Amino acid sequence: MVVHVSPSGAGSDAPSVGFVVSKAVGNAVVRNRVKRRLRALVATRMSTLPPGSLVVVRALPASADADFARLGTDLDACLGRSLSRLTRASS
């Protein structure tokens, strides 16, 4: 999984999140299952995202075989790295 976070011009807006799940992940059923799981995981973490930020979550092929807990762990790690890079770049 790869997560990109960038600041937006409007700091008072809610964060925007997009998902990229390519055909390399699997067939349509698998891709939709991965997207649903990622949406649910990100929804619980929206409060940790900076206001007005733009977030892109890209699922890699290994996401097809990962269970919900593993996706959550990977998402937390990727978000942590991306947010720390964002705060270092803005300071």
N, C-alpha and C. Protein backbone atom coordinates (compact mmCIF):
# COMPACT_ATOMS: atom_id res chain seq x y z
N MET A 1 0.84 -1.16 0.00
CA MET A 1 0.00 0.00 0.00
C MET A 1 0.89 1.23 0.00
N VAL A 2 0.44 2.25 -0.72
CA VAL A 2 1.15 3.52 -0.79
C VAL A 2 0.14 4.62 -0.45
N VAL A 3 0.53 5.55 0.40
CA VAL A 3 -0.34 6.66 0.79
C VAL A 3 0.40 7.97 0.52
N HIS A 4 -0.27 8.87 -0.18
CA HIS A 4 0.26 10.21 -0.44
C HIS A 4 -0.65 11.21 0.26
N VAL A 5 -0.05 12.16 0.98
CA VAL A 5 -0.81 13.22 1.65
C VAL A 5 -0.21 14.54 1.24
N SER A 6 -1.07 15.46 0.80
CA SER A 6 -0.58 16.79 0.47
C SER A 6 -1.55 17.82 1.04
N PRO A 7 -1.02 18.96 1.44
CA PRO A 7 -1.91 20.00 1.97
C PRO A 7 -2.72 20.64 0.85
N SER A 8 -3.87 21.12 1.20
CA SER A 8 -4.71 21.84 0.24
C SER A 8 -4.68 23.31 0.60
N GLY A 9 -5.17 24.15 -0.28
CA GLY A 9 -5.18 25.58 -0.01
C GLY A 9 -6.13 25.97 1.09
N ALA A 10 -7.26 25.28 1.20
CA ALA A 10 -8.27 25.63 2.19
C ALA A 10 -8.10 24.75 3.42
N GLY A 11 -7.63 25.34 4.51
CA GLY A 11 -7.38 24.58 5.72
C GLY A 11 -8.61 24.24 6.52
N SER A 12 -9.74 24.88 6.22
CA SER A 12 -10.95 24.64 7.01
C SER A 12 -11.81 23.52 6.44
N ASP A 13 -11.49 23.06 5.25
CA ASP A 13 -12.27 21.99 4.62
C ASP A 13 -11.94 20.63 5.24
N ALA A 14 -12.86 19.71 5.07
CA ALA A 14 -12.61 18.34 5.52
C ALA A 14 -11.60 17.69 4.59
N PRO A 15 -10.84 16.73 5.07
CA PRO A 15 -9.87 16.05 4.20
C PRO A 15 -10.59 15.31 3.07
N SER A 16 -9.96 15.25 1.91
CA SER A 16 -10.49 14.49 0.77
C SER A 16 -9.62 13.26 0.59
N VAL A 17 -10.27 12.12 0.36
CA VAL A 17 -9.54 10.86 0.22
C VAL A 17 -9.97 10.19 -1.07
N GLY A 18 -8.98 9.72 -1.83
CA GLY A 18 -9.25 8.97 -3.05
C GLY A 18 -8.54 7.63 -2.98
N PHE A 19 -9.06 6.67 -3.73
CA PHE A 19 -8.51 5.32 -3.71
C PHE A 19 -8.16 4.89 -5.13
N VAL A 20 -7.00 4.24 -5.27
CA VAL A 20 -6.57 3.70 -6.55
C VAL A 20 -6.35 2.21 -6.36
N VAL A 21 -7.17 1.43 -7.05
CA VAL A 21 -7.05 -0.03 -6.98
C VAL A 21 -7.05 -0.53 -8.43
N SER A 22 -5.87 -0.84 -8.95
CA SER A 22 -5.75 -1.21 -10.36
C SER A 22 -6.12 -2.67 -10.59
N LYS A 23 -6.18 -3.03 -11.87
CA LYS A 23 -6.49 -4.41 -12.24
C LYS A 23 -5.43 -5.39 -11.80
N ALA A 24 -4.25 -4.89 -11.48
CA ALA A 24 -3.18 -5.78 -10.99
C ALA A 24 -3.55 -6.39 -9.64
N VAL A 25 -4.47 -5.75 -8.91
CA VAL A 25 -4.89 -6.26 -7.60
C VAL A 25 -5.75 -7.51 -7.77
N GLY A 26 -6.57 -7.55 -8.81
CA GLY A 26 -7.42 -8.72 -9.03
C GLY A 26 -8.61 -8.37 -9.90
N ASN A 27 -9.55 -9.29 -9.96
CA ASN A 27 -10.74 -9.03 -10.77
C ASN A 27 -11.65 -8.01 -10.07
N ALA A 28 -12.77 -7.68 -10.67
CA ALA A 28 -13.64 -6.62 -10.16
C ALA A 28 -14.13 -6.90 -8.74
N VAL A 29 -14.43 -8.15 -8.45
CA VAL A 29 -14.92 -8.51 -7.12
C VAL A 29 -13.85 -8.25 -6.07
N VAL A 30 -12.64 -8.63 -6.36
CA VAL A 30 -11.52 -8.45 -5.42
C VAL A 30 -11.22 -6.96 -5.26
N ARG A 31 -11.18 -6.22 -6.37
CA ARG A 31 -10.89 -4.78 -6.29
C ARG A 31 -11.94 -4.05 -5.48
N ASN A 32 -13.20 -4.38 -5.67
CA ASN A 32 -14.27 -3.73 -4.91
C ASN A 32 -14.20 -4.08 -3.43
N ARG A 33 -13.84 -5.32 -3.12
CA ARG A 33 -13.70 -5.72 -1.71
C ARG A 33 -12.57 -4.93 -1.05
N VAL A 34 -11.46 -4.78 -1.75
CA VAL A 34 -10.33 -4.01 -1.22
C VAL A 34 -10.74 -2.56 -1.02
N LYS A 35 -11.45 -1.97 -2.00
CA LYS A 35 -11.90 -0.57 -1.86
C LYS A 35 -12.85 -0.40 -0.68
N ARG A 36 -13.77 -1.32 -0.50
CA ARG A 36 -14.72 -1.23 0.63
C ARG A 36 -13.98 -1.29 1.95
N ARG A 37 -13.02 -2.20 2.06
CA ARG A 37 -12.26 -2.32 3.30
C ARG A 37 -11.45 -1.06 3.56
N LEU A 38 -10.79 -0.55 2.53
CA LEU A 38 -9.99 0.66 2.69
C LEU A 38 -10.87 1.86 3.07
N ARG A 39 -12.03 1.98 2.44
CA ARG A 39 -12.95 3.07 2.80
C ARG A 39 -13.35 3.00 4.26
N ALA A 40 -13.66 1.81 4.74
CA ALA A 40 -14.06 1.64 6.14
C ALA A 40 -12.90 1.99 7.08
N LEU A 41 -11.71 1.58 6.72
CA LEU A 41 -10.55 1.87 7.56
C LEU A 41 -10.23 3.36 7.58
N VAL A 42 -10.30 4.00 6.44
CA VAL A 42 -9.99 5.44 6.39
C VAL A 42 -11.07 6.23 7.12
N ALA A 43 -12.31 5.80 7.06
CA ALA A 43 -13.40 6.52 7.73
C ALA A 43 -13.15 6.62 9.23
N THR A 44 -12.56 5.60 9.82
CA THR A 44 -12.30 5.64 11.26
C THR A 44 -11.07 6.48 11.60
N ARG A 45 -10.29 6.84 10.58
CA ARG A 45 -9.06 7.61 10.81
C ARG A 45 -9.16 9.05 10.29
N MET A 46 -10.32 9.47 9.86
CA MET A 46 -10.48 10.82 9.29
C MET A 46 -10.11 11.91 10.28
N SER A 47 -10.34 11.69 11.56
CA SER A 47 -10.04 12.72 12.56
C SER A 47 -8.54 12.94 12.72
N THR A 48 -7.72 11.98 12.30
CA THR A 48 -6.27 12.13 12.43
C THR A 48 -5.65 12.87 11.24
N LEU A 49 -6.44 13.08 10.19
CA LEU A 49 -5.93 13.75 9.00
C LEU A 49 -6.04 15.27 9.16
N PRO A 50 -5.04 16.01 8.65
CA PRO A 50 -5.10 17.47 8.76
C PRO A 50 -6.28 18.02 7.96
N PRO A 51 -6.92 19.08 8.46
CA PRO A 51 -8.05 19.68 7.74
C PRO A 51 -7.61 20.16 6.36
N GLY A 52 -8.42 19.89 5.37
CA GLY A 52 -8.15 20.34 4.02
C GLY A 52 -7.11 19.54 3.27
N SER A 53 -6.61 18.46 3.85
CA SER A 53 -5.57 17.69 3.18
C SER A 53 -6.17 16.82 2.07
N LEU A 54 -5.32 16.49 1.11
CA LEU A 54 -5.69 15.60 0.03
C LEU A 54 -4.92 14.30 0.23
N VAL A 55 -5.63 13.18 0.27
CA VAL A 55 -5.02 11.88 0.55
C VAL A 55 -5.35 10.92 -0.59
N VAL A 56 -4.32 10.23 -1.07
CA VAL A 56 -4.52 9.18 -2.08
C VAL A 56 -3.98 7.88 -1.51
N VAL A 57 -4.82 6.86 -1.50
CA VAL A 57 -4.44 5.54 -1.01
C VAL A 57 -4.38 4.61 -2.23
N ARG A 58 -3.20 4.08 -2.51
CA ARG A 58 -3.02 3.18 -3.65
C ARG A 58 -2.78 1.77 -3.14
N ALA A 59 -3.67 0.87 -3.52
CA ALA A 59 -3.55 -0.53 -3.10
C ALA A 59 -2.61 -1.27 -4.04
N LEU A 60 -1.69 -2.00 -3.48
CA LEU A 60 -0.78 -2.84 -4.25
C LEU A 60 -1.38 -4.25 -4.37
N PRO A 61 -0.88 -5.06 -5.29
CA PRO A 61 -1.46 -6.40 -5.49
C PRO A 61 -1.54 -7.26 -4.23
N ALA A 62 -0.64 -7.07 -3.28
CA ALA A 62 -0.69 -7.87 -2.04
C ALA A 62 -1.92 -7.55 -1.21
N SER A 63 -2.57 -6.42 -1.46
CA SER A 63 -3.77 -6.05 -0.72
C SER A 63 -4.92 -7.02 -0.96
N ALA A 64 -4.91 -7.71 -2.08
CA ALA A 64 -5.99 -8.65 -2.39
C ALA A 64 -6.03 -9.80 -1.40
N ASP A 65 -4.88 -10.22 -0.91
CA ASP A 65 -4.82 -11.37 0.01
C ASP A 65 -4.79 -10.96 1.48
N ALA A 66 -4.69 -9.67 1.74
CA ALA A 66 -4.58 -9.20 3.13
C ALA A 66 -5.95 -9.17 3.79
N ASP A 67 -5.99 -9.54 5.05
CA ASP A 67 -7.24 -9.44 5.79
C ASP A 67 -7.42 -8.02 6.32
N PHE A 68 -8.57 -7.77 6.94
CA PHE A 68 -8.93 -6.43 7.40
C PHE A 68 -7.90 -5.87 8.38
N ALA A 69 -7.46 -6.69 9.31
CA ALA A 69 -6.50 -6.24 10.33
C ALA A 69 -5.16 -5.87 9.69
N ARG A 70 -4.72 -6.67 8.73
CA ARG A 70 -3.44 -6.40 8.06
C ARG A 70 -3.53 -5.10 7.25
N LEU A 71 -4.65 -4.88 6.56
CA LEU A 71 -4.84 -3.62 5.83
C LEU A 71 -4.81 -2.44 6.78
N GLY A 72 -5.42 -2.59 7.95
CA GLY A 72 -5.42 -1.52 8.94
C GLY A 72 -4.02 -1.20 9.44
N THR A 73 -3.23 -2.24 9.70
CA THR A 73 -1.85 -2.05 10.14
C THR A 73 -1.03 -1.35 9.07
N ASP A 74 -1.17 -1.80 7.83
CA ASP A 74 -0.43 -1.18 6.72
C ASP A 74 -0.86 0.26 6.52
N LEU A 75 -2.15 0.53 6.62
CA LEU A 75 -2.65 1.89 6.45
C LEU A 75 -2.11 2.80 7.54
N ASP A 76 -2.10 2.34 8.77
CA ASP A 76 -1.56 3.14 9.87
C ASP A 76 -0.09 3.48 9.65
N ALA A 77 0.67 2.48 9.22
CA ALA A 77 2.10 2.71 8.99
C ALA A 77 2.31 3.71 7.85
N CYS A 78 1.58 3.55 6.77
CA CYS A 78 1.75 4.45 5.62
C CYS A 78 1.27 5.86 5.94
N LEU A 79 0.15 5.97 6.65
CA LEU A 79 -0.34 7.29 7.04
C LEU A 79 0.65 7.98 7.97
N GLY A 80 1.19 7.24 8.91
CA GLY A 80 2.17 7.80 9.83
C GLY A 80 3.38 8.36 9.11
N ARG A 81 3.90 7.59 8.16
CA ARG A 81 5.05 8.05 7.38
C ARG A 81 4.71 9.29 6.56
N SER A 82 3.57 9.26 5.88
CA SER A 82 3.19 10.39 5.03
C SER A 82 2.92 11.64 5.84
N LEU A 83 2.27 11.51 6.98
CA LEU A 83 1.99 12.68 7.81
C LEU A 83 3.26 13.24 8.42
N SER A 84 4.21 12.39 8.79
CA SER A 84 5.47 12.91 9.32
C SER A 84 6.26 13.64 8.25
N ARG A 85 6.23 13.14 7.03
CA ARG A 85 6.89 13.85 5.92
C ARG A 85 6.22 15.20 5.66
N LEU A 86 4.91 15.23 5.77
CA LEU A 86 4.16 16.47 5.54
C LEU A 86 4.51 17.51 6.59
N THR A 87 4.61 17.10 7.85
CA THR A 87 4.92 18.06 8.92
C THR A 87 6.38 18.52 8.82
N ARG A 88 7.29 17.64 8.42
CA ARG A 88 8.68 18.06 8.24
C ARG A 88 8.82 19.04 7.08
N ALA A 89 8.06 18.83 6.01
CA ALA A 89 8.16 19.71 4.84
C ALA A 89 7.56 21.08 5.11
N SER A 90 6.53 21.13 5.97
CA SER A 90 5.88 22.41 6.24
C SER A 90 6.60 23.21 7.32
N SER A 91 7.51 22.59 8.06
CA SER A 91 8.21 23.34 9.12
C SER A 91 9.55 23.87 8.67
